[in-house]
C-alpha atoms as a PDB file:
ATOM      1  CA  MET A   1       0.000   0.000   0.000  1.00  0.00           C
ATOM      2  CA  THR A   2       1.400   3.409  -0.911  1.00  0.00           C
ATOM      3  CA  ARG A   3       1.157   6.338   1.468  1.00  0.00           C
ATOM      4  CA  PHE A   4      -1.055   8.221  -0.955  1.00  0.00           C
ATOM      5  CA  ASN A   5      -3.439   5.324  -1.301  1.00  0.00           C
ATOM      6  CA  GLU A   6      -6.386   5.257  -3.605  1.00  0.00           C
ATOM      7  CA  TYR A   7      -8.793   5.868  -0.736  1.00  0.00           C
ATOM      8  CA  ASN A   8      -7.398   9.340  -0.104  1.00  0.00           C
ATOM      9  CA  SER A   9      -6.215  10.487  -3.525  1.00  0.00           C
ATOM     10  CA  LEU A  10      -9.527  12.028  -4.632  1.00  0.00           C
ATOM     11  CA  PHE A  11      -9.923  13.877  -1.360  1.00  0.00           C
ATOM     12  CA  PHE A  12      -6.366  15.176  -1.675  1.00  0.00           C
ATOM     13  CA  VAL A  13      -7.011  16.642  -5.117  1.00  0.00           C
ATOM     14  CA  ILE A  14     -10.276  18.268  -4.020  1.00  0.00           C
ATOM     15  CA  ASN A  15      -8.641  19.973  -1.068  1.00  0.00           C
ATOM     16  CA  LEU A  16      -5.261  20.850  -2.556  1.00  0.00           C
ATOM     17  CA  PHE A  17      -6.127  24.392  -3.536  1.00  0.00           C
ATOM     18  CA  MET A  18      -8.199  25.109  -0.442  1.00  0.00           C
ATOM     19  CA  LEU A  19      -5.347  24.110   1.828  1.00  0.00           C
ATOM     20  CA  CYS A  20      -2.543  25.908   0.036  1.00  0.00           C
ATOM     21  CA  SER A  21      -2.993  28.784   2.478  1.00  0.00           C
ATOM     22  CA  ALA A  22      -1.420  26.550   5.112  1.00  0.00           C
ATOM     23  CA  VAL A  23       1.973  27.758   3.898  1.00  0.00           C
ATOM     24  CA  ARG A  24       1.124  31.465   3.572  1.00  0.00           C
ATOM     25  CA  SER A  25      -1.123  32.381   6.458  1.00  0.00           C
ATOM     26  CA  ASP A  26      -2.116  35.933   7.366  1.00  0.00           C
ATOM     27  CA  LEU A  27      -2.552  34.943  11.002  1.00  0.00           C
ATOM     28  CA  ASN A  28      -0.674  36.688  13.806  1.00  0.00           C
ATOM     29  CA  ALA A  29      -0.531  36.479  17.600  1.00  0.00           C
ATOM     30  CA  ASP A  30      -1.552  40.126  18.153  1.00  0.00           C
ATOM     31  CA  PHE A  31      -4.659  40.095  15.962  1.00  0.00           C
ATOM     32  CA  TYR A  32      -7.029  41.091  18.820  1.00  0.00           C
ATOM     33  CA  LYS A  33      -4.603  43.343  20.689  1.00  0.00           C
ATOM     34  CA  GLN A  34      -6.756  46.439  20.057  1.00  0.00           C
ATOM     35  CA  THR A  35     -10.223  44.951  19.510  1.00  0.00           C
ATOM     36  CA  CYS A  36     -10.306  42.462  22.406  1.00  0.00           C
ATOM     37  CA  PRO A  37      -7.269  43.077  24.644  1.00  0.00           C
ATOM     38  CA  ASP A  38      -8.397  40.763  27.469  1.00  0.00           C
ATOM     39  CA  LEU A  39      -9.172  37.822  25.191  1.00  0.00           C
ATOM     40  CA  LEU A  40      -6.402  35.515  26.400  1.00  0.00           C
ATOM     41  CA  LYS A  41      -7.265  36.071  30.073  1.00  0.00           C
ATOM     42  CA  ILE A  42     -10.956  35.450  29.443  1.00  0.00           C
ATOM     43  CA  VAL A  43     -10.362  32.196  27.579  1.00  0.00           C
ATOM     44  CA  ARG A  44      -7.810  30.943  30.114  1.00  0.00           C
ATOM     45  CA  LYS A  45     -10.207  31.519  33.005  1.00  0.00           C
ATOM     46  CA  GLU A  46     -13.054  29.633  31.333  1.00  0.00           C
ATOM     47  CA  VAL A  47     -10.833  26.678  30.410  1.00  0.00           C
ATOM     48  CA  LYS A  48      -9.379  26.577  33.921  1.00  0.00           C
ATOM     49  CA  ASP A  49     -12.893  26.532  35.403  1.00  0.00           C
ATOM     50  CA  ALA A  50     -13.913  23.691  33.090  1.00  0.00           C
ATOM     51  CA  LEU A  51     -10.861  21.614  34.012  1.00  0.00           C
ATOM     52  CA  LYS A  52     -11.568  22.060  37.717  1.00  0.00           C
ATOM     53  CA  ILE A  53     -14.856  20.265  37.103  1.00  0.00           C
ATOM     54  CA  GLU A  54     -13.443  17.558  34.825  1.00  0.00           C
ATOM     55  CA  MET A  55      -9.753  17.205  33.994  1.00  0.00           C
ATOM     56  CA  ARG A  56     -10.588  14.912  31.081  1.00  0.00           C
ATOM     57  CA  MET A  57     -12.088  17.952  29.344  1.00  0.00           C
ATOM     58  CA  ALA A  58      -8.580  19.136  28.421  1.00  0.00           C
ATOM     59  CA  ALA A  59      -8.190  16.265  25.966  1.00  0.00           C
ATOM     60  CA  SER A  60     -11.700  16.797  24.600  1.00  0.00           C
ATOM     61  CA  LEU A  61     -11.072  20.486  23.868  1.00  0.00           C
ATOM     62  CA  LEU A  62      -7.739  19.701  22.245  1.00  0.00           C
ATOM     63  CA  ARG A  63      -9.413  17.103  20.034  1.00  0.00           C
ATOM     64  CA  LEU A  64     -12.046  19.609  18.877  1.00  0.00           C
ATOM     65  CA  HIS A  65      -9.345  21.800  17.343  1.00  0.00           C
ATOM     66  CA  PHE A  66      -7.741  18.755  15.681  1.00  0.00           C
ATOM     67  CA  VAL A  67     -10.887  17.373  14.056  1.00  0.00           C
ATOM     68  CA  ASP A  68     -11.935  20.863  12.995  1.00  0.00           C
ATOM     69  CA  CYS A  69      -8.719  21.654  11.147  1.00  0.00           C
ATOM     70  CA  PHE A  70      -8.715  18.373   9.204  1.00  0.00           C
ATOM     71  CA  VAL A  71     -12.063  19.258   7.565  1.00  0.00           C
ATOM     72  CA  ASN A  72     -12.466  22.490   5.547  1.00  0.00           C
ATOM     73  CA  GLY A  73      -9.424  23.873   7.359  1.00  0.00           C
ATOM     74  CA  CYS A  74      -9.562  25.527  10.806  1.00  0.00           C
ATOM     75  CA  ASP A  75     -12.945  27.235  10.397  1.00  0.00           C
ATOM     76  CA  ALA A  76     -14.976  25.966  13.401  1.00  0.00           C
ATOM     77  CA  SER A  77     -17.177  23.872  11.112  1.00  0.00           C
ATOM     78  CA  ILE A  78     -17.053  21.091  13.738  1.00  0.00           C
ATOM     79  CA  LEU A  79     -19.193  23.283  16.003  1.00  0.00           C
ATOM     80  CA  LEU A  80     -22.117  23.681  13.588  1.00  0.00           C
ATOM     81  CA  ASP A  81     -25.327  21.806  14.361  1.00  0.00           C
ATOM     82  CA  GLY A  82     -27.696  20.408  11.736  1.00  0.00           C
ATOM     83  CA  SER A  83     -28.308  17.350   9.590  1.00  0.00           C
ATOM     84  CA  ASN A  84     -24.910  17.645   7.867  1.00  0.00           C
ATOM     85  CA  SER A  85     -23.051  18.293  11.118  1.00  0.00           C
ATOM     86  CA  GLU A  86     -19.522  16.950  11.349  1.00  0.00           C
ATOM     87  CA  LYS A  87     -20.407  15.893  14.886  1.00  0.00           C
ATOM     88  CA  PHE A  88     -22.222  12.908  13.381  1.00  0.00           C
ATOM     89  CA  ALA A  89     -19.411  11.789  11.070  1.00  0.00           C
ATOM     90  CA  THR A  90     -18.214   8.271  11.891  1.00  0.00           C
ATOM     91  CA  PRO A  91     -14.826   9.311  13.420  1.00  0.00           C
ATOM     92  CA  ASN A  92     -16.591  11.913  15.610  1.00  0.00           C
ATOM     93  CA  LEU A  93     -19.766  10.090  16.631  1.00  0.00           C
ATOM     94  CA  ASN A  94     -19.850   9.571  20.410  1.00  0.00           C
ATOM     95  CA  SER A  95     -16.284  10.897  20.455  1.00  0.00           C
ATOM     96  CA  VAL A  96     -16.224  14.690  20.157  1.00  0.00           C
ATOM     97  CA  ARG A  97     -17.373  16.535  23.263  1.00  0.00           C
ATOM     98  CA  GLY A  98     -16.844  19.779  25.153  1.00  0.00           C
ATOM     99  CA  PHE A  99     -19.260  21.901  23.138  1.00  0.00           C
ATOM    100  CA  GLN A 100     -20.788  23.345  26.298  1.00  0.00           C
ATOM    101  CA  VAL A 101     -17.346  24.628  27.310  1.00  0.00           C
ATOM    102  CA  VAL A 102     -16.914  26.294  23.928  1.00  0.00           C
ATOM    103  CA  ASP A 103     -20.341  27.890  24.416  1.00  0.00           C
ATOM    104  CA  ALA A 104     -19.286  29.225  27.825  1.00  0.00           C
ATOM    105  CA  VAL A 105     -16.024  30.629  26.444  1.00  0.00           C
ATOM    106  CA  LYS A 106     -17.827  32.233  23.512  1.00  0.00           C
ATOM    107  CA  SER A 107     -20.419  33.802  25.841  1.00  0.00           C
ATOM    108  CA  ALA A 108     -17.716  35.274  28.072  1.00  0.00           C
ATOM    109  CA  VAL A 109     -15.816  36.623  25.077  1.00  0.00           C
ATOM    110  CA  GLU A 110     -18.961  38.116  23.545  1.00  0.00           C
ATOM    111  CA  SER A 111     -19.704  39.902  26.824  1.00  0.00           C
ATOM    112  CA  ALA A 112     -16.304  41.580  26.655  1.00  0.00           C
ATOM    113  CA  CYS A 113     -16.065  42.267  22.913  1.00  0.00           C
ATOM    114  CA  SER A 114     -19.157  41.434  20.929  1.00  0.00           C
ATOM    115  CA  GLY A 115     -18.895  40.272  17.330  1.00  0.00           C
ATOM    116  CA  VAL A 116     -15.118  40.414  17.244  1.00  0.00           C
ATOM    117  CA  VAL A 117     -13.579  37.001  18.031  1.00  0.00           C
ATOM    118  CA  SER A 118     -14.230  33.986  15.817  1.00  0.00           C
ATOM    119  CA  CYS A 119     -15.175  30.553  17.081  1.00  0.00           C
ATOM    120  CA  ALA A 120     -12.254  29.152  15.062  1.00  0.00           C
ATOM    121  CA  ASP A 121      -9.800  31.285  17.041  1.00  0.00           C
ATOM    122  CA  ILE A 122     -11.487  30.261  20.289  1.00  0.00           C
ATOM    123  CA  LEU A 123     -10.890  26.595  19.392  1.00  0.00           C
ATOM    124  CA  ALA A 124      -7.202  27.315  18.783  1.00  0.00           C
ATOM    125  CA  LEU A 125      -6.853  29.145  22.106  1.00  0.00           C
ATOM    126  CA  ILE A 126      -8.659  26.568  24.224  1.00  0.00           C
ATOM    127  CA  ALA A 127      -6.515  23.824  22.679  1.00  0.00           C
ATOM    128  CA  ARG A 128      -3.351  25.640  23.748  1.00  0.00           C
ATOM    129  CA  ASP A 129      -4.684  26.370  27.231  1.00  0.00           C
ATOM    130  CA  SER A 130      -5.804  22.765  27.682  1.00  0.00           C
ATOM    131  CA  VAL A 131      -2.258  21.574  27.003  1.00  0.00           C
ATOM    132  CA  LEU A 132      -0.688  24.183  29.267  1.00  0.00           C
ATOM    133  CA  LEU A 133      -3.079  23.578  32.171  1.00  0.00           C
ATOM    134  CA  SER A 134      -2.349  19.840  31.913  1.00  0.00           C
ATOM    135  CA  GLY A 135       1.348  20.446  32.504  1.00  0.00           C
ATOM    136  CA  GLY A 136       2.387  20.706  28.873  1.00  0.00           C
ATOM    137  CA  PRO A 137       4.126  23.455  26.908  1.00  0.00           C
ATOM    138  CA  THR A 138       2.716  26.790  25.832  1.00  0.00           C
ATOM    139  CA  TRP A 139       3.060  28.801  22.637  1.00  0.00           C
ATOM    140  CA  LYS A 140       1.818  31.971  20.995  1.00  0.00           C
ATOM    141  CA  VAL A 141      -1.371  31.086  19.139  1.00  0.00           C
ATOM    142  CA  LEU A 142      -1.629  32.720  15.738  1.00  0.00           C
ATOM    143  CA  LEU A 143      -5.042  34.396  15.388  1.00  0.00           C
ATOM    144  CA  GLY A 144      -7.223  36.052  12.791  1.00  0.00           C
ATOM    145  CA  ARG A 145      -9.327  33.155  11.522  1.00  0.00           C
ATOM    146  CA  ARG A 146     -12.945  33.695  10.576  1.00  0.00           C
ATOM    147  CA  ASP A 147     -15.705  31.116  10.796  1.00  0.00           C
ATOM    148  CA  GLY A 148     -16.790  28.949   7.912  1.00  0.00           C
ATOM    149  CA  LEU A 149     -20.376  28.736   6.711  1.00  0.00           C
ATOM    150  CA  VAL A 150     -20.792  25.085   5.709  1.00  0.00           C
ATOM    151  CA  PRO A 151     -20.249  21.857   7.695  1.00  0.00           C
ATOM    152  CA  ASN A 152     -18.828  18.899   5.790  1.00  0.00           C
ATOM    153  CA  GLN A 153     -19.865  15.540   7.223  1.00  0.00           C
ATOM    154  CA  ARG A 154     -18.692  13.589   4.176  1.00  0.00           C
ATOM    155  CA  GLY A 155     -15.346  15.348   4.298  1.00  0.00           C
ATOM    156  CA  ALA A 156     -15.016  14.442   7.973  1.00  0.00           C
ATOM    157  CA  ASN A 157     -15.647  10.778   7.164  1.00  0.00           C
ATOM    158  CA  LEU A 158     -12.841  10.854   4.609  1.00  0.00           C
ATOM    159  CA  ALA A 159     -10.297  13.107   6.271  1.00  0.00           C
ATOM    160  CA  ILE A 160     -10.182  12.353   9.988  1.00  0.00           C
ATOM    161  CA  PRO A 161      -7.873   9.486  10.974  1.00  0.00           C
ATOM    162  CA  SER A 162      -9.650   6.683  12.808  1.00  0.00           C
ATOM    163  CA  GLN A 163      -8.391   4.257  15.448  1.00  0.00           C
ATOM    164  CA  TYR A 164      -8.252   1.264  13.090  1.00  0.00           C
ATOM    165  CA  ASP A 165      -6.690   2.959  10.065  1.00  0.00           C
ATOM    166  CA  THR A 166      -3.455   1.476   8.787  1.00  0.00           C
ATOM    167  CA  LEU A 167      -0.319   3.501   9.371  1.00  0.00           C
ATOM    168  CA  ASP A 168      -0.074   4.283   5.651  1.00  0.00           C
ATOM    169  CA  THR A 169      -3.627   5.610   5.672  1.00  0.00           C
ATOM    170  CA  ILE A 170      -2.974   7.777   8.722  1.00  0.00           C
ATOM    171  CA  ILE A 171       0.176   9.206   7.158  1.00  0.00           C
ATOM    172  CA  SER A 172      -1.728   9.894   3.937  1.00  0.00           C
ATOM    173  CA  LYS A 173      -4.548  11.683   5.731  1.00  0.00           C
ATOM    174  CA  PHE A 174      -2.028  13.930   7.463  1.00  0.00           C
ATOM    175  CA  ALA A 175      -0.197  14.536   4.183  1.00  0.00           C
ATOM    176  CA  ASN A 176      -3.479  15.508   2.534  1.00  0.00           C
ATOM    177  CA  VAL A 177      -3.632  18.554   4.800  1.00  0.00           C
ATOM    178  CA  GLY A 178       0.055  19.409   4.562  1.00  0.00           C
ATOM    179  CA  LEU A 179       1.347  17.577   7.638  1.00  0.00           C
ATOM    180  CA  ASN A 180       4.308  15.194   7.580  1.00  0.00           C
ATOM    181  CA  VAL A 181       5.378  12.038   9.427  1.00  0.00           C
ATOM    182  CA  THR A 182       6.907  13.979  12.323  1.00  0.00           C
ATOM    183  CA  ASP A 183       3.573  15.789  12.706  1.00  0.00           C
ATOM    184  CA  VAL A 184       1.799  12.410  12.821  1.00  0.00           C
ATOM    185  CA  VAL A 185       3.908  11.214  15.736  1.00  0.00           C
ATOM    186  CA  SER A 186       4.063  14.502  17.640  1.00  0.00           C
ATOM    187  CA  LEU A 187       0.325  15.237  17.392  1.00  0.00           C
ATOM    188  CA  SER A 188      -0.489  11.655  18.359  1.00  0.00           C
ATOM    189  CA  GLY A 189       1.279  12.535  21.607  1.00  0.00           C
ATOM    190  CA  ALA A 190      -1.874  14.473  22.523  1.00  0.00           C
ATOM    191  CA  HIS A 191      -3.068  11.053  23.695  1.00  0.00           C
ATOM    192  CA  THR A 192      -0.889  11.532  26.751  1.00  0.00           C
ATOM    193  CA  ILE A 193      -4.083  12.959  28.278  1.00  0.00           C
ATOM    194  CA  GLY A 194      -7.707  11.900  28.081  1.00  0.00           C
ATOM    195  CA  ARG A 195      -9.707   8.695  28.011  1.00  0.00           C
ATOM    196  CA  ALA A 196     -11.137   6.371  25.364  1.00  0.00           C
ATOM    197  CA  ARG A 197     -14.347   4.345  25.290  1.00  0.00           C
ATOM    198  CA  CYS A 198     -14.184   0.545  25.184  1.00  0.00           C
ATOM    199  CA  ALA A 199     -15.918   0.652  21.800  1.00  0.00           C
ATOM    200  CA  THR A 200     -12.854   2.304  20.264  1.00  0.00           C
ATOM    201  CA  PHE A 201     -10.376  -0.443  21.144  1.00  0.00           C
ATOM    202  CA  SER A 202     -12.276  -3.579  22.302  1.00  0.00           C
ATOM    203  CA  LYS A 203     -11.527  -5.409  19.048  1.00  0.00           C
ATOM    204  CA  ARG A 204      -7.904  -5.505  20.165  1.00  0.00           C
ATOM    205  CA  LEU A 205      -8.954  -7.383  23.311  1.00  0.00           C
ATOM    206  CA  TRP A 206     -11.126 -10.157  21.944  1.00  0.00           C
ATOM    207  CA  ASN A 207     -11.213 -10.492  18.160  1.00  0.00           C
ATOM    208  CA  PHE A 208      -8.387  -8.553  16.584  1.00  0.00           C
ATOM    209  CA  PHE A 209      -9.115  -8.198  12.847  1.00  0.00           C
ATOM    210  CA  ASN A 210     -11.262 -11.381  12.986  1.00  0.00           C
ATOM    211  CA  THR A 211      -8.438 -13.559  14.329  1.00  0.00           C
ATOM    212  CA  GLY A 212     -10.584 -14.803  17.202  1.00  0.00           C
ATOM    213  CA  GLY A 213      -7.972 -13.625  19.696  1.00  0.00           C
ATOM    214  CA  PRO A 214      -6.410 -10.446  21.105  1.00  0.00           C
ATOM    215  CA  ASP A 215      -3.791  -8.194  19.529  1.00  0.00           C
ATOM    216  CA  SER A 216      -0.478  -9.910  20.257  1.00  0.00           C
ATOM    217  CA  THR A 217       1.352  -6.569  20.439  1.00  0.00           C
ATOM    218  CA  MET A 218      -0.526  -5.507  23.600  1.00  0.00           C
ATOM    219  CA  GLU A 219       1.360  -6.011  26.878  1.00  0.00           C
ATOM    220  CA  LYS A 220      -0.150  -8.949  28.767  1.00  0.00           C
ATOM    221  CA  ASP A 221      -0.949  -7.288  32.106  1.00  0.00           C
ATOM    222  CA  MET A 222      -2.588  -4.388  30.329  1.00  0.00           C
ATOM    223  CA  LEU A 223      -4.569  -6.807  28.162  1.00  0.00           C
ATOM    224  CA  SER A 224      -5.818  -8.676  31.223  1.00  0.00           C
ATOM    225  CA  ASP A 225      -6.796  -5.462  33.008  1.00  0.00           C
ATOM    226  CA  LEU A 226      -8.689  -4.144  30.007  1.00  0.00           C
ATOM    227  CA  GLN A 227     -10.510  -7.432  29.443  1.00  0.00           C
ATOM    228  CA  HIS A 228     -11.974  -7.022  32.925  1.00  0.00           C
ATOM    229  CA  VAL A 229     -13.134  -3.499  32.067  1.00  0.00           C
ATOM    230  CA  CYS A 230     -14.351  -4.050  28.506  1.00  0.00           C
ATOM    231  CA  LEU A 231     -16.268  -7.306  28.523  1.00  0.00           C
ATOM    232  CA  VAL A 232     -17.313  -9.158  25.385  1.00  0.00           C
ATOM    233  CA  ASN A 233     -20.557  -7.505  24.271  1.00  0.00           C
ATOM    234  CA  GLY A 234     -20.240  -5.260  27.331  1.00  0.00           C
ATOM    235  CA  ASP A 235     -20.830  -1.546  27.784  1.00  0.00           C
ATOM    236  CA  GLY A 236     -18.907   0.144  24.978  1.00  0.00           C
ATOM    237  CA  ASN A 237     -19.181   3.517  26.708  1.00  0.00           C
ATOM    238  CA  LYS A 238     -16.962   2.571  29.643  1.00  0.00           C
ATOM    239  CA  THR A 239     -13.697   4.486  29.500  1.00  0.00           C
ATOM    240  CA  THR A 240     -10.054   4.021  30.418  1.00  0.00           C
ATOM    241  CA  ALA A 241      -6.987   6.239  30.260  1.00  0.00           C
ATOM    242  CA  LEU A 242      -5.319   6.685  26.888  1.00  0.00           C
ATOM    243  CA  ASP A 243      -1.911   6.982  28.566  1.00  0.00           C
ATOM    244  CA  ARG A 244      -1.702   4.149  31.088  1.00  0.00           C
ATOM    245  CA  ASN A 245      -0.308   5.336  34.455  1.00  0.00           C
ATOM    246  CA  SER A 246      -0.103   8.986  33.351  1.00  0.00           C
ATOM    247  CA  ASN A 247      -3.598   9.919  32.258  1.00  0.00           C
ATOM    248  CA  ASP A 248      -3.978  13.572  33.303  1.00  0.00           C
ATOM    249  CA  LEU A 249      -0.431  14.890  32.864  1.00  0.00           C
ATOM    250  CA  PHE A 250       0.744  16.155  29.488  1.00  0.00           C
ATOM    251  CA  ASP A 251       4.187  14.532  29.238  1.00  0.00           C
ATOM    252  CA  ASN A 252       6.169  12.114  27.041  1.00  0.00           C
ATOM    253  CA  HIS A 253       5.116   8.988  28.981  1.00  0.00           C
ATOM    254  CA  TYR A 254       2.823   8.043  26.087  1.00  0.00           C
ATOM    255  CA  TYR A 255       5.863   7.182  23.964  1.00  0.00           C
ATOM    256  CA  GLN A 256       7.386   4.929  26.619  1.00  0.00           C
ATOM    257  CA  ASN A 257       4.097   3.068  26.680  1.00  0.00           C
ATOM    258  CA  LEU A 258       4.339   2.472  22.940  1.00  0.00           C
ATOM    259  CA  LEU A 259       7.768   0.878  23.383  1.00  0.00           C
ATOM    260  CA  ASP A 260       6.308  -1.318  26.139  1.00  0.00           C
ATOM    261  CA  GLY A 261       3.307  -2.449  24.075  1.00  0.00           C
ATOM    262  CA  LYS A 262       0.925  -0.335  26.169  1.00  0.00           C
ATOM    263  CA  GLY A 263      -0.545   1.923  23.509  1.00  0.00           C
ATOM    264  CA  LEU A 264      -4.307   1.806  24.007  1.00  0.00           C
ATOM    265  CA  LEU A 265      -5.537   2.486  20.484  1.00  0.00           C
ATOM    266  CA  TYR A 266      -4.391   0.478  17.506  1.00  0.00           C
ATOM    267  CA  SER A 267      -3.581   3.772  15.755  1.00  0.00           C
ATOM    268  CA  ASP A 268      -1.229   4.599  18.645  1.00  0.00           C
ATOM    269  CA  GLN A 269       0.619   1.299  18.868  1.00  0.00           C
ATOM    270  CA  ILE A 270       1.278   1.052  15.115  1.00  0.00           C
ATOM    271  CA  LEU A 271       3.436   4.169  15.346  1.00  0.00           C
ATOM    272  CA  PHE A 272       5.994   1.809  16.898  1.00  0.00           C
ATOM    273  CA  ASN A 273       4.889  -1.604  15.624  1.00  0.00           C
ATOM    274  CA  GLY A 274       3.565  -0.634  12.204  1.00  0.00           C
ATOM    275  CA  GLY A 275       6.701  -1.427  10.230  1.00  0.00           C
ATOM    276  CA  ASP A 276       7.650   2.174   9.466  1.00  0.00           C
ATOM    277  CA  ASP A 277      11.228   2.890  10.570  1.00  0.00           C
ATOM    278  CA  GLU A 278      10.668   6.653  10.523  1.00  0.00           C
ATOM    279  CA  THR A 279       7.727   6.699  12.932  1.00  0.00           C
ATOM    280  CA  LYS A 280       9.470   4.139  15.139  1.00  0.00           C
ATOM    281  CA  SER A 281      12.572   6.327  15.330  1.00  0.00           C
ATOM    282  CA  VAL A 282      10.572   9.454  16.190  1.00  0.00           C
ATOM    283  CA  VAL A 283       8.682   7.567  18.924  1.00  0.00           C
ATOM    284  CA  ASP A 284      11.977   6.470  20.456  1.00  0.00           C
ATOM    285  CA  ASN A 285      13.422   9.988  20.243  1.00  0.00           C
ATOM    286  CA  TYR A 286      10.402  11.495  21.996  1.00  0.00           C
ATOM    287  CA  ARG A 287      10.589   8.785  24.669  1.00  0.00           C
ATOM    288  CA  ARG A 288      14.195   9.738  25.414  1.00  0.00           C
ATOM    289  CA  LYS A 289      13.917  13.504  24.873  1.00  0.00           C
ATOM    290  CA  PRO A 290      10.852  15.158  26.435  1.00  0.00           C
ATOM    291  CA  LYS A 291      11.980  18.636  25.359  1.00  0.00           C
ATOM    292  CA  LEU A 292      12.180  17.470  21.749  1.00  0.00           C
ATOM    293  CA  PHE A 293       8.609  16.195  21.992  1.00  0.00           C
ATOM    294  CA  PHE A 294       7.375  19.481  23.452  1.00  0.00           C
ATOM    295  CA  ASP A 295       9.244  21.528  20.824  1.00  0.00           C
ATOM    296  CA  ASP A 296       7.944  19.421  17.933  1.00  0.00           C
ATOM    297  CA  PHE A 297       4.423  19.338  19.360  1.00  0.00           C
ATOM    298  CA  ILE A 298       4.357  23.139  19.428  1.00  0.00           C
ATOM    299  CA  LYS A 299       5.568  23.326  15.827  1.00  0.00           C
ATOM    300  CA  SER A 300       2.978  20.786  14.718  1.00  0.00           C
ATOM    301  CA  MET A 301       0.129  22.534  16.544  1.00  0.00           C
ATOM    302  CA  ILE A 302       1.000  25.862  14.932  1.00  0.00           C
ATOM    303  CA  LYS A 303       1.311  24.150  11.561  1.00  0.00           C
ATOM    304  CA  MET A 304      -2.028  22.377  12.019  1.00  0.00           C
ATOM    305  CA  GLY A 305      -3.694  25.613  13.110  1.00  0.00           C
ATOM    306  CA  ASN A 306      -2.527  27.127   9.838  1.00  0.00           C
ATOM    307  CA  ILE A 307      -4.487  24.683   7.663  1.00  0.00           C
ATOM    308  CA  GLY A 308      -6.865  26.525   5.349  1.00  0.00           C
ATOM    309  CA  PRO A 309      -7.846  29.428   7.635  1.00  0.00           C
ATOM    310  CA  VAL A 310     -10.750  31.614   6.510  1.00  0.00           C
ATOM    311  CA  THR A 311      -9.460  35.193   6.650  1.00  0.00           C
ATOM    312  CA  GLY A 312     -10.150  38.700   5.369  1.00  0.00           C
ATOM    313  CA  SER A 313     -13.742  39.276   4.321  1.00  0.00           C
ATOM    314  CA  SER A 314     -14.570  35.579   3.815  1.00  0.00           C
ATOM    315  CA  GLY A 315     -16.749  33.665   6.233  1.00  0.00           C
ATOM    316  CA  GLN A 316     -18.123  35.470   9.286  1.00  0.00           C
ATOM    317  CA  ILE A 317     -17.741  35.942  13.034  1.00  0.00           C
ATOM    318  CA  ARG A 318     -20.480  33.724  14.434  1.00  0.00           C
ATOM    319  CA  LYS A 319     -22.479  35.087  17.353  1.00  0.00           C
ATOM    320  CA  ASN A 320     -23.366  31.529  18.343  1.00  0.00           C
ATOM    321  CA  CYS A 321     -20.738  28.920  17.458  1.00  0.00           C
ATOM    322  CA  ARG A 322     -23.410  26.301  16.731  1.00  0.00           C
ATOM    323  CA  VAL A 323     -25.237  28.186  13.946  1.00  0.00           C
ATOM    324  CA  ILE A 324     -24.618  30.576  11.069  1.00  0.00           C
ATOM    325  CA  ASN A 325     -25.597  34.177  11.838  1.00  0.00           C
END
């Protein structure tokens, strides 16, 4: 299988021109310096309040920015309700969450500077703050995005990597939006925080790719523990930590787990066991060099946030992130 497999080639061509702005963005960190000077403080407070209630929310807010940028570019289309909502795309169904936190942030921002700050920029800011407040690195978020007008459920089904994609498919989906192999491994490190439902990985425990048995790459004690949590035909909504033994701290422990066969999702473990020497090498480097992981994660987040932004007079500044004005 080639990295630009047939499954993704059509989607790549369709989006090529839309995403070319990823290399020539007009975004800048001081975009709201005059129009909404307290923006960063307002967003930080709301995210901090949300994490006091549920620390898992940090991972959920970070994921919202990720799945948004992979579809139509970073335009907050993931937040739109309706029959074509990206929320109901297969990779997002029963997975994306945190919309009430976005609503609270948007309301607080609107109270301070009405009609000025886009929902797309709010997603970028809450992603950064979620990482920072979980013990991870910080960075200057480039701002100036406007909100898109059309959700793209079909595009979400095609573009967003899923937990049982092959490594070649995952790499291709990242490449389709201008991200490389290093970005694949560094952004996957976001799974150092958060939890996953049994439904997303239970096949690895009981009937891995119709073998009738578990995934042989999973460490045995972890396999036994998870089989007691995720029973055959059990409750698929039960959750467990993505990063075993380090679930709420944003660190490089995730990569050590991959070396030990303790990656929870198939899409995590194949970064080390998927037969690609490049991803395996990057995993090992991040395991040994936490600063390198943090530095590359920052670069990849900025790069991802630069995918196809709506700027200038295009799009709009939504008053309510869930609907078009």
